Amino acid sequence: MNPLESQLTDSTIRVLVFGGTGTGKTSLCNTLTGRSRPTGNGARGVTAKSHLYNAFEHQGRKIKLFDTVGLHESSFGTVPAEQALGHLVELLTKSKDGFSLLIHVTRASRITKEQEEDYKFFVEKMTQGNIPVLLALTGCENEDPMSAWLDRNRASFDRFQYKDLIPTCFLAGGKFESHYALLRAQSRETLLQAVLLNALPQPHRLYGKGTGATFSETLTRLWNNVVDWTGLPGEWRGKVNESAFELMKRLGVPQKIAELAIKHIPELAKEFGDKMPVPGAGPMARIGMERVLKILFGKTGASTKVADEKS
């Protein structure tokens, strides 16, 4: 275990990094953390799943990055709806400790519909404008200085609530590596300084104690946004007073995702125990969890694909 992990407190800066395929999001995270996750430019990129990096330290502050998928590189709208809901459950489960800052990663080019939709989901819907957001513009290595493209196009971003816009380069390798290395070091330092300057003093939680929202309420609110965005039929929406447990069961969330959520979200663990067909089984929620989850979630009828629902 990373020695910093055991020291994590609410003063740790927790950063949610989001953006579309091919924006350089994973390269950015690798450079900031000093790690080396694979990168790629495939149709769905390499970040098919969210990744929580180990904590690292900068100028005496502990920082933890959560590299998540954007709406258009995730399963939303392209696979069976129950898997899309499973992706959202997993995202919220891993977000249980909240975030101090968001970083939106995009290429230095015209603003796309996908970029606007990612911003709307993560900044306006998921975190409801409660967490400051930075914009990291990648692909600025051919500008001299790197800020030149941003200087020409800064007004285009006025309608967004970014705390700062930061031109960067996170390319590596090839015959220009010596040049890229200097730009990466400059980009890393500039971005980390912006993180320290703009992060909340303590992470803002999306649900749980002291937030006024439960996991179930947050999941339903966001899932209904996804249903509307993808054009799914109304019956796929979460119902009033329907718990996350009931929604996952009704729509057939994959068993491993349900197990992850129930294991880490006390609200769901208690409800899972209450739903077991053995009187007083609440304290036994973790006993036989895998077998019971297989019965509840392993065989469901909610396996119709989005395309089939629209036909």
C-alpha atoms as a PDB file:
ATOM      1  CA  MET A   1       0.000   0.000   0.000  1.00  0.00           C
ATOM      2  CA  ASN A   2       1.163   3.523  -0.783  1.00  0.00           C
ATOM      3  CA  PRO A   3       2.366   4.924   2.604  1.00  0.00           C
ATOM      4  CA  LEU A   4       0.363   8.068   1.934  1.00  0.00           C
ATOM      5  CA  GLU A   5      -2.852   6.051   1.766  1.00  0.00           C
ATOM      6  CA  SER A   6      -2.862   5.424   5.501  1.00  0.00           C
ATOM      7  CA  GLN A   7      -2.491   9.172   6.107  1.00  0.00           C
ATOM      8  CA  LEU A   8      -5.458  10.286   3.987  1.00  0.00           C
ATOM      9  CA  THR A   9      -7.711  12.734   5.793  1.00  0.00           C
ATOM     10  CA  ASP A  10     -10.341  15.244   4.780  1.00  0.00           C
ATOM     11  CA  SER A  11      -7.478  17.649   4.016  1.00  0.00           C
ATOM     12  CA  THR A  12      -6.390  15.441   1.112  1.00  0.00           C
ATOM     13  CA  ILE A  13      -7.162  17.160  -2.185  1.00  0.00           C
ATOM     14  CA  ARG A  14      -9.410  14.780  -4.098  1.00  0.00           C
ATOM     15  CA  VAL A  15      -9.606  15.625  -7.799  1.00  0.00           C
ATOM     16  CA  LEU A  16     -12.102  14.252 -10.317  1.00  0.00           C
ATOM     17  CA  VAL A  17     -10.584  14.301 -13.814  1.00  0.00           C
ATOM     18  CA  PHE A  18     -13.025  13.946 -16.713  1.00  0.00           C
ATOM     19  CA  GLY A  19     -13.038  14.420 -20.470  1.00  0.00           C
ATOM     20  CA  GLY A  20     -13.552  12.652 -23.755  1.00  0.00           C
ATOM     21  CA  THR A  21     -11.593  10.043 -25.678  1.00  0.00           C
ATOM     22  CA  GLY A  22      -8.300  11.232 -27.135  1.00  0.00           C
ATOM     23  CA  THR A  23      -8.010  14.365 -25.019  1.00  0.00           C
ATOM     24  CA  GLY A  24      -4.866  13.205 -23.213  1.00  0.00           C
ATOM     25  CA  LYS A  25      -6.624  12.691 -19.892  1.00  0.00           C
ATOM     26  CA  THR A  26      -4.678   9.577 -18.886  1.00  0.00           C
ATOM     27  CA  SER A  27      -1.374  11.149 -20.009  1.00  0.00           C
ATOM     28  CA  LEU A  28      -2.199  14.141 -17.824  1.00  0.00           C
ATOM     29  CA  CYS A  29      -2.877  11.907 -14.826  1.00  0.00           C
ATOM     30  CA  ASN A  30       0.292   9.888 -15.449  1.00  0.00           C
ATOM     31  CA  THR A  31       2.390  13.061 -15.537  1.00  0.00           C
ATOM     32  CA  LEU A  32       0.829  14.575 -12.412  1.00  0.00           C
ATOM     33  CA  THR A  33       1.103  11.387 -10.359  1.00  0.00           C
ATOM     34  CA  GLY A  34       4.351   9.991 -11.755  1.00  0.00           C
ATOM     35  CA  ARG A  35       2.542   6.751 -12.593  1.00  0.00           C
ATOM     36  CA  SER A  36       2.441   4.973 -15.945  1.00  0.00           C
ATOM     37  CA  ARG A  37      -0.999   3.728 -16.943  1.00  0.00           C
ATOM     38  CA  PRO A  38      -1.359   2.734 -20.621  1.00  0.00           C
ATOM     39  CA  THR A  39      -2.615   5.419 -22.982  1.00  0.00           C
ATOM     40  CA  GLY A  40      -4.222   5.100 -26.389  1.00  0.00           C
ATOM     41  CA  ASN A  41      -6.354   6.685 -29.066  1.00  0.00           C
ATOM     42  CA  GLY A  42      -8.856   3.935 -29.835  1.00  0.00           C
ATOM     43  CA  ALA A  43     -12.534   4.525 -30.384  1.00  0.00           C
ATOM     44  CA  ARG A  44     -13.192   4.185 -26.658  1.00  0.00           C
ATOM     45  CA  GLY A  45      -9.705   5.062 -25.457  1.00  0.00           C
ATOM     46  CA  VAL A  46      -8.076   3.050 -22.681  1.00  0.00           C
ATOM     47  CA  THR A  47     -10.109   4.521 -19.839  1.00  0.00           C
ATOM     48  CA  ALA A  48     -13.051   2.197 -20.336  1.00  0.00           C
ATOM     49  CA  LYS A  49     -13.378   2.164 -16.550  1.00  0.00           C
ATOM     50  CA  SER A  50     -12.715   4.764 -13.905  1.00  0.00           C
ATOM     51  CA  HIS A  51      -9.371   4.612 -12.108  1.00  0.00           C
ATOM     52  CA  LEU A  52      -8.472   5.926  -8.660  1.00  0.00           C
ATOM     53  CA  TYR A  53      -4.757   6.751  -8.429  1.00  0.00           C
ATOM     54  CA  ASN A  54      -2.763   6.365  -5.248  1.00  0.00           C
ATOM     55  CA  ALA A  55      -2.168   9.592  -3.373  1.00  0.00           C
ATOM     56  CA  PHE A  56       0.938  11.637  -4.128  1.00  0.00           C
ATOM     57  CA  GLU A  57       2.378  14.732  -2.492  1.00  0.00           C
ATOM     58  CA  HIS A  58       3.094  18.197  -3.868  1.00  0.00           C
ATOM     59  CA  GLN A  59       4.396  21.069  -1.761  1.00  0.00           C
ATOM     60  CA  GLY A  60       3.349  19.292   1.406  1.00  0.00           C
ATOM     61  CA  ARG A  61      -0.237  18.594   0.269  1.00  0.00           C
ATOM     62  CA  LYS A  62      -1.583  15.129  -0.460  1.00  0.00           C
ATOM     63  CA  ILE A  63      -3.443  14.858  -3.766  1.00  0.00           C
ATOM     64  CA  LYS A  64      -5.524  11.991  -5.086  1.00  0.00           C
ATOM     65  CA  LEU A  65      -6.752  11.811  -8.699  1.00  0.00           C
ATOM     66  CA  PHE A  66      -9.861   9.984  -9.887  1.00  0.00           C
ATOM     67  CA  ASP A  67      -9.654   9.485 -13.661  1.00  0.00           C
ATOM     68  CA  THR A  68     -13.175   8.813 -14.870  1.00  0.00           C
ATOM     69  CA  VAL A  69     -14.782   8.311 -18.256  1.00  0.00           C
ATOM     70  CA  GLY A  70     -16.725  10.997 -20.061  1.00  0.00           C
ATOM     71  CA  LEU A  71     -20.279  10.370 -21.186  1.00  0.00           C
ATOM     72  CA  HIS A  72     -19.184   9.673 -24.737  1.00  0.00           C
ATOM     73  CA  GLU A  73     -16.428   7.180 -23.923  1.00  0.00           C
ATOM     74  CA  SER A  74     -18.500   5.310 -21.352  1.00  0.00           C
ATOM     75  CA  SER A  75     -21.262   2.787 -21.750  1.00  0.00           C
ATOM     76  CA  PHE A  76     -24.037   5.387 -21.608  1.00  0.00           C
ATOM     77  CA  GLY A  77     -26.327   4.982 -24.596  1.00  0.00           C
ATOM     78  CA  THR A  78     -24.280   2.265 -26.347  1.00  0.00           C
ATOM     79  CA  VAL A  79     -24.920  -0.899 -24.322  1.00  0.00           C
ATOM     80  CA  PRO A  80     -27.830  -2.439 -22.412  1.00  0.00           C
ATOM     81  CA  ALA A  81     -29.332   0.123 -20.061  1.00  0.00           C
ATOM     82  CA  GLU A  82     -28.626  -2.012 -16.997  1.00  0.00           C
ATOM     83  CA  GLN A  83     -24.896  -1.786 -17.754  1.00  0.00           C
ATOM     84  CA  ALA A  84     -25.137   1.987 -18.139  1.00  0.00           C
ATOM     85  CA  LEU A  85     -26.828   2.163 -14.739  1.00  0.00           C
ATOM     86  CA  GLY A  86     -24.111  -0.133 -13.389  1.00  0.00           C
ATOM     87  CA  HIS A  87     -21.465   2.296 -14.641  1.00  0.00           C
ATOM     88  CA  LEU A  88     -23.190   5.158 -12.820  1.00  0.00           C
ATOM     89  CA  VAL A  89     -23.498   3.090  -9.629  1.00  0.00           C
ATOM     90  CA  GLU A  90     -19.777   2.332  -9.796  1.00  0.00           C
ATOM     91  CA  LEU A  91     -18.928   6.005 -10.408  1.00  0.00           C
ATOM     92  CA  LEU A  92     -20.973   7.173  -7.416  1.00  0.00           C
ATOM     93  CA  THR A  93     -19.660   4.397  -5.189  1.00  0.00           C
ATOM     94  CA  LYS A  94     -16.068   5.441  -5.894  1.00  0.00           C
ATOM     95  CA  SER A  95     -17.073   9.072  -5.282  1.00  0.00           C
ATOM     96  CA  LYS A  96     -18.321   8.439  -1.745  1.00  0.00           C
ATOM     97  CA  ASP A  97     -15.585  10.571  -0.120  1.00  0.00           C
ATOM     98  CA  GLY A  98     -16.378  13.566  -2.324  1.00  0.00           C
ATOM     99  CA  PHE A  99     -14.092  15.877  -4.296  1.00  0.00           C
ATOM    100  CA  SER A 100     -12.159  19.086  -3.699  1.00  0.00           C
ATOM    101  CA  LEU A 101     -11.768  20.017  -7.366  1.00  0.00           C
ATOM    102  CA  LEU A 102     -12.720  18.990 -10.904  1.00  0.00           C
ATOM    103  CA  ILE A 103     -10.406  19.039 -13.926  1.00  0.00           C
ATOM    104  CA  HIS A 104     -12.051  19.022 -17.343  1.00  0.00           C
ATOM    105  CA  VAL A 105      -9.577  17.858 -20.000  1.00  0.00           C
ATOM    106  CA  THR A 106     -10.127  18.875 -23.633  1.00  0.00           C
ATOM    107  CA  ARG A 107      -8.053  19.430 -26.730  1.00  0.00           C
ATOM    108  CA  ALA A 108      -7.184  23.000 -27.696  1.00  0.00           C
ATOM    109  CA  SER A 109      -9.707  23.178 -30.529  1.00  0.00           C
ATOM    110  CA  ARG A 110     -13.268  24.280 -31.156  1.00  0.00           C
ATOM    111  CA  ILE A 111     -15.767  23.489 -28.410  1.00  0.00           C
ATOM    112  CA  THR A 112     -17.676  20.311 -29.272  1.00  0.00           C
ATOM    113  CA  LYS A 113     -21.129  19.096 -28.303  1.00  0.00           C
ATOM    114  CA  GLU A 114     -19.492  16.213 -26.419  1.00  0.00           C
ATOM    115  CA  GLN A 115     -17.376  18.654 -24.387  1.00  0.00           C
ATOM    116  CA  GLU A 116     -20.456  20.683 -23.456  1.00  0.00           C
ATOM    117  CA  GLU A 117     -22.400  17.559 -22.451  1.00  0.00           C
ATOM    118  CA  ASP A 118     -19.533  16.281 -20.278  1.00  0.00           C
ATOM    119  CA  TYR A 119     -19.356  19.694 -18.576  1.00  0.00           C
ATOM    120  CA  LYS A 120     -23.106  19.770 -18.006  1.00  0.00           C
ATOM    121  CA  PHE A 121     -23.186  16.271 -16.506  1.00  0.00           C
ATOM    122  CA  PHE A 122     -20.164  16.459 -14.185  1.00  0.00           C
ATOM    123  CA  VAL A 123     -20.236  20.141 -13.220  1.00  0.00           C
ATOM    124  CA  GLU A 124     -23.926  21.063 -13.291  1.00  0.00           C
ATOM    125  CA  LYS A 125     -25.703  17.739 -12.676  1.00  0.00           C
ATOM    126  CA  MET A 126     -23.388  15.451 -10.709  1.00  0.00           C
ATOM    127  CA  THR A 127     -21.698  18.034  -8.471  1.00  0.00           C
ATOM    128  CA  GLN A 128     -24.390  20.741  -8.880  1.00  0.00           C
ATOM    129  CA  GLY A 129     -21.879  23.580  -9.194  1.00  0.00           C
ATOM    130  CA  ASN A 130     -20.596  23.023  -5.656  1.00  0.00           C
ATOM    131  CA  ILE A 131     -17.042  22.088  -6.648  1.00  0.00           C
ATOM    132  CA  PRO A 132     -14.633  24.404  -8.515  1.00  0.00           C
ATOM    133  CA  VAL A 133     -13.511  23.253 -11.963  1.00  0.00           C
ATOM    134  CA  LEU A 134     -10.373  23.851 -14.000  1.00  0.00           C
ATOM    135  CA  LEU A 135     -10.023  23.447 -17.757  1.00  0.00           C
ATOM    136  CA  ALA A 136      -6.826  21.746 -18.934  1.00  0.00           C
ATOM    137  CA  LEU A 137      -6.283  22.358 -22.641  1.00  0.00           C
ATOM    138  CA  THR A 138      -4.010  19.686 -24.118  1.00  0.00           C
ATOM    139  CA  GLY A 139      -2.240  19.683 -27.477  1.00  0.00           C
ATOM    140  CA  CYS A 140      -0.625  23.114 -27.055  1.00  0.00           C
ATOM    141  CA  GLU A 141       2.907  21.889 -27.818  1.00  0.00           C
ATOM    142  CA  ASN A 142       2.962  23.500 -31.274  1.00  0.00           C
ATOM    143  CA  GLU A 143       2.053  26.944 -29.958  1.00  0.00           C
ATOM    144  CA  ASP A 144       4.739  29.437 -28.994  1.00  0.00           C
ATOM    145  CA  PRO A 145       4.176  30.179 -26.228  1.00  0.00           C
ATOM    146  CA  MET A 146       1.799  27.375 -25.207  1.00  0.00           C
ATOM    147  CA  SER A 147      -0.780  29.998 -24.205  1.00  0.00           C
ATOM    148  CA  ALA A 148      -1.043  31.433 -27.743  1.00  0.00           C
ATOM    149  CA  TRP A 149      -4.110  29.391 -28.788  1.00  0.00           C
ATOM    150  CA  LEU A 150      -5.891  30.213 -25.529  1.00  0.00           C
ATOM    151  CA  ASP A 151      -5.071  33.908 -25.910  1.00  0.00           C
ATOM    152  CA  ARG A 152      -6.833  33.870 -29.292  1.00  0.00           C
ATOM    153  CA  ASN A 153      -9.861  31.898 -28.120  1.00  0.00           C
ATOM    154  CA  ARG A 154     -10.382  32.742 -24.445  1.00  0.00           C
ATOM    155  CA  ALA A 155     -13.734  34.479 -25.031  1.00  0.00           C
ATOM    156  CA  SER A 156     -15.201  31.199 -26.313  1.00  0.00           C
ATOM    157  CA  PHE A 157     -15.109  29.829 -22.765  1.00  0.00           C
ATOM    158  CA  ASP A 158     -16.811  32.744 -21.034  1.00  0.00           C
ATOM    159  CA  ARG A 159     -20.121  30.893 -20.707  1.00  0.00           C
ATOM    160  CA  PHE A 160     -18.492  28.158 -18.601  1.00  0.00           C
ATOM    161  CA  GLN A 161     -17.670  28.526 -14.908  1.00  0.00           C
ATOM    162  CA  TYR A 162     -14.014  27.502 -15.083  1.00  0.00           C
ATOM    163  CA  LYS A 163     -11.826  28.876 -12.305  1.00  0.00           C
ATOM    164  CA  ASP A 164      -8.818  28.815 -14.600  1.00  0.00           C
ATOM    165  CA  LEU A 165      -7.931  27.735 -18.144  1.00  0.00           C
ATOM    166  CA  ILE A 166      -4.531  26.111 -18.461  1.00  0.00           C
ATOM    167  CA  PRO A 167      -2.738  25.347 -21.757  1.00  0.00           C
ATOM    168  CA  THR A 168      -0.691  22.157 -21.475  1.00  0.00           C
ATOM    169  CA  CYS A 169       1.399  19.529 -23.224  1.00  0.00           C
ATOM    170  CA  PHE A 170       1.556  15.936 -22.006  1.00  0.00           C
ATOM    171  CA  LEU A 171       2.994  14.279 -25.119  1.00  0.00           C
ATOM    172  CA  ALA A 172       5.968  11.963 -24.647  1.00  0.00           C
ATOM    173  CA  GLY A 173       8.430  10.094 -26.848  1.00  0.00           C
ATOM    174  CA  GLY A 174       9.556  10.475 -30.437  1.00  0.00           C
ATOM    175  CA  LYS A 175      12.262  12.677 -31.874  1.00  0.00           C
ATOM    176  CA  PHE A 176      10.925  15.748 -30.077  1.00  0.00           C
ATOM    177  CA  GLU A 177      10.986  14.155 -26.620  1.00  0.00           C
ATOM    178  CA  SER A 178      13.569  16.593 -25.254  1.00  0.00           C
ATOM    179  CA  HIS A 179      11.220  19.445 -26.201  1.00  0.00           C
ATOM    180  CA  TYR A 180       8.125  17.642 -24.856  1.00  0.00           C
ATOM    181  CA  ALA A 181       9.856  16.874 -21.556  1.00  0.00           C
ATOM    182  CA  LEU A 182      10.364  20.576 -20.863  1.00  0.00           C
ATOM    183  CA  LEU A 183       6.753  21.385 -21.750  1.00  0.00           C
ATOM    184  CA  ARG A 184       5.433  18.497 -19.613  1.00  0.00           C
ATOM    185  CA  ALA A 185       7.391  19.730 -16.609  1.00  0.00           C
ATOM    186  CA  GLN A 186       6.067  23.253 -17.144  1.00  0.00           C
ATOM    187  CA  SER A 187       2.506  21.966 -17.604  1.00  0.00           C
ATOM    188  CA  ARG A 188       2.710  19.796 -14.489  1.00  0.00           C
ATOM    189  CA  GLU A 189       3.922  22.628 -12.296  1.00  0.00           C
ATOM    190  CA  THR A 190       1.369  25.123 -13.632  1.00  0.00           C
ATOM    191  CA  LEU A 191      -1.538  22.706 -13.273  1.00  0.00           C
ATOM    192  CA  LEU A 192      -0.571  21.564  -9.771  1.00  0.00           C
ATOM    193  CA  GLN A 193      -0.240  25.182  -8.641  1.00  0.00           C
ATOM    194  CA  ALA A 194      -3.767  25.781  -9.944  1.00  0.00           C
ATOM    195  CA  VAL A 195      -4.953  22.696  -8.053  1.00  0.00           C
ATOM    196  CA  LEU A 196      -3.489  23.995  -4.780  1.00  0.00           C
ATOM    197  CA  LEU A 197      -4.925  27.467  -5.391  1.00  0.00           C
ATOM    198  CA  ASN A 198      -8.466  26.455  -6.354  1.00  0.00           C
ATOM    199  CA  ALA A 199      -9.242  23.257  -4.421  1.00  0.00           C
ATOM    200  CA  LEU A 200     -11.812  23.409  -1.630  1.00  0.00           C
ATOM    201  CA  PRO A 201     -10.371  23.261   1.904  1.00  0.00           C
ATOM    202  CA  GLN A 202     -12.123  19.905   2.349  1.00  0.00           C
ATOM    203  CA  PRO A 203     -13.760  17.558  -0.171  1.00  0.00           C
ATOM    204  CA  HIS A 204     -17.424  18.222  -0.912  1.00  0.00           C
ATOM    205  CA  ARG A 205     -19.478  15.035  -0.577  1.00  0.00           C
ATOM    206  CA  LEU A 206     -22.230  14.289  -3.074  1.00  0.00           C
ATOM    207  CA  TYR A 207     -24.338  12.263  -0.654  1.00  0.00           C
ATOM    208  CA  GLY A 208     -24.324  10.890   2.857  1.00  0.00           C
ATOM    209  CA  LYS A 209     -24.174  12.397   6.325  1.00  0.00           C
ATOM    210  CA  GLY A 210     -24.419  16.175   6.386  1.00  0.00           C
ATOM    211  CA  THR A 211     -25.227  16.553   2.669  1.00  0.00           C
ATOM    212  CA  GLY A 212     -29.010  16.384   2.784  1.00  0.00           C
ATOM    213  CA  ALA A 213     -28.988  13.675   0.090  1.00  0.00           C
ATOM    214  CA  THR A 214     -28.826   9.896   0.238  1.00  0.00           C
ATOM    215  CA  PHE A 215     -27.037   7.626  -2.205  1.00  0.00           C
ATOM    216  CA  SER A 216     -30.420   6.496  -3.542  1.00  0.00           C
ATOM    217  CA  GLU A 217     -31.610  10.055  -4.143  1.00  0.00           C
ATOM    218  CA  THR A 218     -28.359  11.013  -5.878  1.00  0.00           C
ATOM    219  CA  LEU A 219     -28.354   7.905  -8.052  1.00  0.00           C
ATOM    220  CA  THR A 220     -31.977   8.412  -9.099  1.00  0.00           C
ATOM    221  CA  ARG A 221     -31.428  12.090  -9.889  1.00  0.00           C
ATOM    222  CA  LEU A 222     -28.415  11.387 -12.100  1.00  0.00           C
ATOM    223  CA  TRP A 223     -29.832   8.238 -13.661  1.00  0.00           C
ATOM    224  CA  ASN A 224     -32.977  10.066 -14.725  1.00  0.00           C
ATOM    225  CA  ASN A 225     -30.747  12.648 -16.419  1.00  0.00           C
ATOM    226  CA  VAL A 226     -29.026   9.829 -18.298  1.00  0.00           C
ATOM    227  CA  VAL A 227     -32.392   8.327 -19.300  1.00  0.00           C
ATOM    228  CA  ASP A 228     -33.502  11.686 -20.689  1.00  0.00           C
ATOM    229  CA  TRP A 229     -30.173  12.270 -22.441  1.00  0.00           C
ATOM    230  CA  THR A 230     -30.096   8.857 -24.144  1.00  0.00           C
ATOM    231  CA  GLY A 231     -33.784   8.863 -25.041  1.00  0.00           C
ATOM    232  CA  LEU A 232     -34.632   5.731 -23.065  1.00  0.00           C
ATOM    233  CA  PRO A 233     -38.346   5.042 -22.444  1.00  0.00           C
ATOM    234  CA  GLY A 234     -39.900   6.567 -19.340  1.00  0.00           C
ATOM    235  CA  GLU A 235     -40.227   3.211 -17.551  1.00  0.00           C
ATOM    236  CA  TRP A 236     -36.452   3.123 -17.165  1.00  0.00           C
ATOM    237  CA  ARG A 237     -36.537   6.223 -14.972  1.00  0.00           C
ATOM    238  CA  GLY A 238     -36.096   5.870 -11.229  1.00  0.00           C
ATOM    239  CA  LYS A 239     -39.401   6.095  -9.405  1.00  0.00           C
ATOM    240  CA  VAL A 240     -40.313   8.401  -6.533  1.00  0.00           C
ATOM    241  CA  ASN A 241     -39.156   6.836  -3.238  1.00  0.00           C
ATOM    242  CA  GLU A 242     -37.550   3.910  -5.118  1.00  0.00           C
ATOM    243  CA  SER A 243     -34.316   3.021  -3.355  1.00  0.00           C
ATOM    244  CA  ALA A 244     -31.037   2.404  -5.154  1.00  0.00           C
ATOM    245  CA  PHE A 245     -31.293  -1.252  -4.167  1.00  0.00           C
ATOM    246  CA  GLU A 246     -34.741  -1.546  -5.747  1.00  0.00           C
ATOM    247  CA  LEU A 247     -33.675   0.373  -8.883  1.00  0.00           C
ATOM    248  CA  MET A 248     -30.603  -1.820  -9.375  1.00  0.00           C
ATOM    249  CA  LYS A 249     -32.668  -4.954  -8.945  1.00  0.00           C
ATOM    250  CA  ARG A 250     -35.477  -3.768 -11.251  1.00  0.00           C
ATOM    251  CA  LEU A 251     -33.128  -2.829 -14.082  1.00  0.00           C
ATOM    252  CA  GLY A 252     -30.764  -5.757 -13.615  1.00  0.00           C
ATOM    253  CA  VAL A 253     -27.466  -4.128 -12.683  1.00  0.00           C
ATOM    254  CA  PRO A 254     -24.572  -6.624 -13.030  1.00  0.00           C
ATOM    255  CA  GLN A 255     -23.982  -8.539  -9.820  1.00  0.00           C
ATOM    256  CA  LYS A 256     -20.360  -7.411  -9.335  1.00  0.00           C
ATOM    257  CA  ILE A 257     -21.404  -3.752  -9.501  1.00  0.00           C
ATOM    258  CA  ALA A 258     -24.242  -4.279  -7.030  1.00  0.00           C
ATOM    259  CA  GLU A 259     -21.828  -6.073  -4.696  1.00  0.00           C
ATOM    260  CA  LEU A 260     -19.326  -3.195  -4.907  1.00  0.00           C
ATOM    261  CA  ALA A 261     -21.991  -0.646  -4.012  1.00  0.00           C
ATOM    262  CA  ILE A 262     -23.487  -2.676  -1.175  1.00  0.00           C
ATOM    263  CA  LYS A 263     -20.030  -3.336   0.267  1.00  0.00           C
ATOM    264  CA  HIS A 264     -19.018   0.343   0.392  1.00  0.00           C
ATOM    265  CA  ILE A 265     -22.255   2.278   0.925  1.00  0.00           C
ATOM    266  CA  PRO A 266     -23.631   1.758   4.473  1.00  0.00           C
ATOM    267  CA  GLU A 267     -27.106   2.850   3.375  1.00  0.00           C
ATOM    268  CA  LEU A 268     -27.228   0.023   0.808  1.00  0.00           C
ATOM    269  CA  ALA A 269     -25.611  -2.541   3.092  1.00  0.00           C
ATOM    270  CA  LYS A 270     -28.347  -1.984   5.668  1.00  0.00           C
ATOM    271  CA  GLU A 271     -31.094  -2.166   3.070  1.00  0.00           C
ATOM    272  CA  PHE A 272     -29.543  -5.281   1.555  1.00  0.00           C
ATOM    273  CA  GLY A 273     -29.686  -6.924   4.947  1.00  0.00           C
ATOM    274  CA  ASP A 274     -33.268  -5.811   5.463  1.00  0.00           C
ATOM    275  CA  LYS A 275     -34.275  -7.278   2.096  1.00  0.00           C
ATOM    276  CA  MET A 276     -32.834 -10.716   2.804  1.00  0.00           C
ATOM    277  CA  PRO A 277     -35.544 -13.330   3.331  1.00  0.00           C
ATOM    278  CA  VAL A 278     -34.273 -14.233   6.792  1.00  0.00           C
ATOM    279  CA  PRO A 279     -35.781 -12.367   9.779  1.00  0.00           C
ATOM    280  CA  GLY A 280     -33.221 -10.172  11.484  1.00  0.00           C
ATOM    281  CA  ALA A 281     -30.664 -10.662   8.740  1.00  0.00           C
ATOM    282  CA  GLY A 282     -29.462  -7.039   8.748  1.00  0.00           C
ATOM    283  CA  PRO A 283     -26.269  -7.705  10.745  1.00  0.00           C
ATOM    284  CA  MET A 284     -25.606 -10.703   8.478  1.00  0.00           C
ATOM    285  CA  ALA A 285     -25.625  -8.665   5.265  1.00  0.00           C
ATOM    286  CA  ARG A 286     -22.050  -9.602   4.429  1.00  0.00           C
ATOM    287  CA  ILE A 287     -22.535 -13.306   5.122  1.00  0.00           C
ATOM    288  CA  GLY A 288     -23.361 -15.143   1.950  1.00  0.00           C
ATOM    289  CA  MET A 289     -23.482 -11.851   0.053  1.00  0.00           C
ATOM    290  CA  GLU A 290     -22.178 -13.309  -3.189  1.00  0.00           C
ATOM    291  CA  ARG A 291     -24.701 -16.141  -3.217  1.00  0.00           C
ATOM    292  CA  VAL A 292     -27.669 -13.915  -2.389  1.00  0.00           C
ATOM    293  CA  LEU A 293     -26.598 -11.271  -4.902  1.00  0.00           C
ATOM    294  CA  LYS A 294     -26.427 -13.928  -7.586  1.00  0.00           C
ATOM    295  CA  ILE A 295     -30.029 -14.819  -6.849  1.00  0.00           C
ATOM    296  CA  LEU A 296     -31.182 -11.197  -6.769  1.00  0.00           C
ATOM    297  CA  PHE A 297     -29.096  -9.705  -9.587  1.00  0.00           C
ATOM    298  CA  GLY A 298     -27.633 -12.600 -11.538  1.00  0.00           C
ATOM    299  CA  LYS A 299     -30.770 -13.492 -13.476  1.00  0.00           C
ATOM    300  CA  THR A 300     -33.005 -10.624 -14.412  1.00  0.00           C
ATOM    301  CA  GLY A 301     -35.255  -9.730 -17.257  1.00  0.00           C
ATOM    302  CA  ALA A 302     -33.934  -6.216 -17.728  1.00  0.00           C
ATOM    303  CA  SER A 303     -31.424  -7.089 -20.431  1.00  0.00           C
ATOM    304  CA  THR A 304     -32.962  -5.296 -23.377  1.00  0.00           C
ATOM    305  CA  LYS A 305     -30.501  -3.069 -25.206  1.00  0.00           C
ATOM    306  CA  VAL A 306     -31.042   0.622 -25.711  1.00  0.00           C
ATOM    307  CA  ALA A 307     -31.442   0.093 -29.441  1.00  0.00           C
ATOM    308  CA  ASP A 308     -34.145  -2.517 -28.836  1.00  0.00           C
ATOM    309  CA  GLU A 309     -35.988  -0.208 -26.458  1.00  0.00           C
ATOM    310  CA  LYS A 310     -36.126   2.477 -29.131  1.00  0.00           C
ATOM    311  CA  SER A 311     -37.477   0.163 -31.828  1.00  0.00           C
END
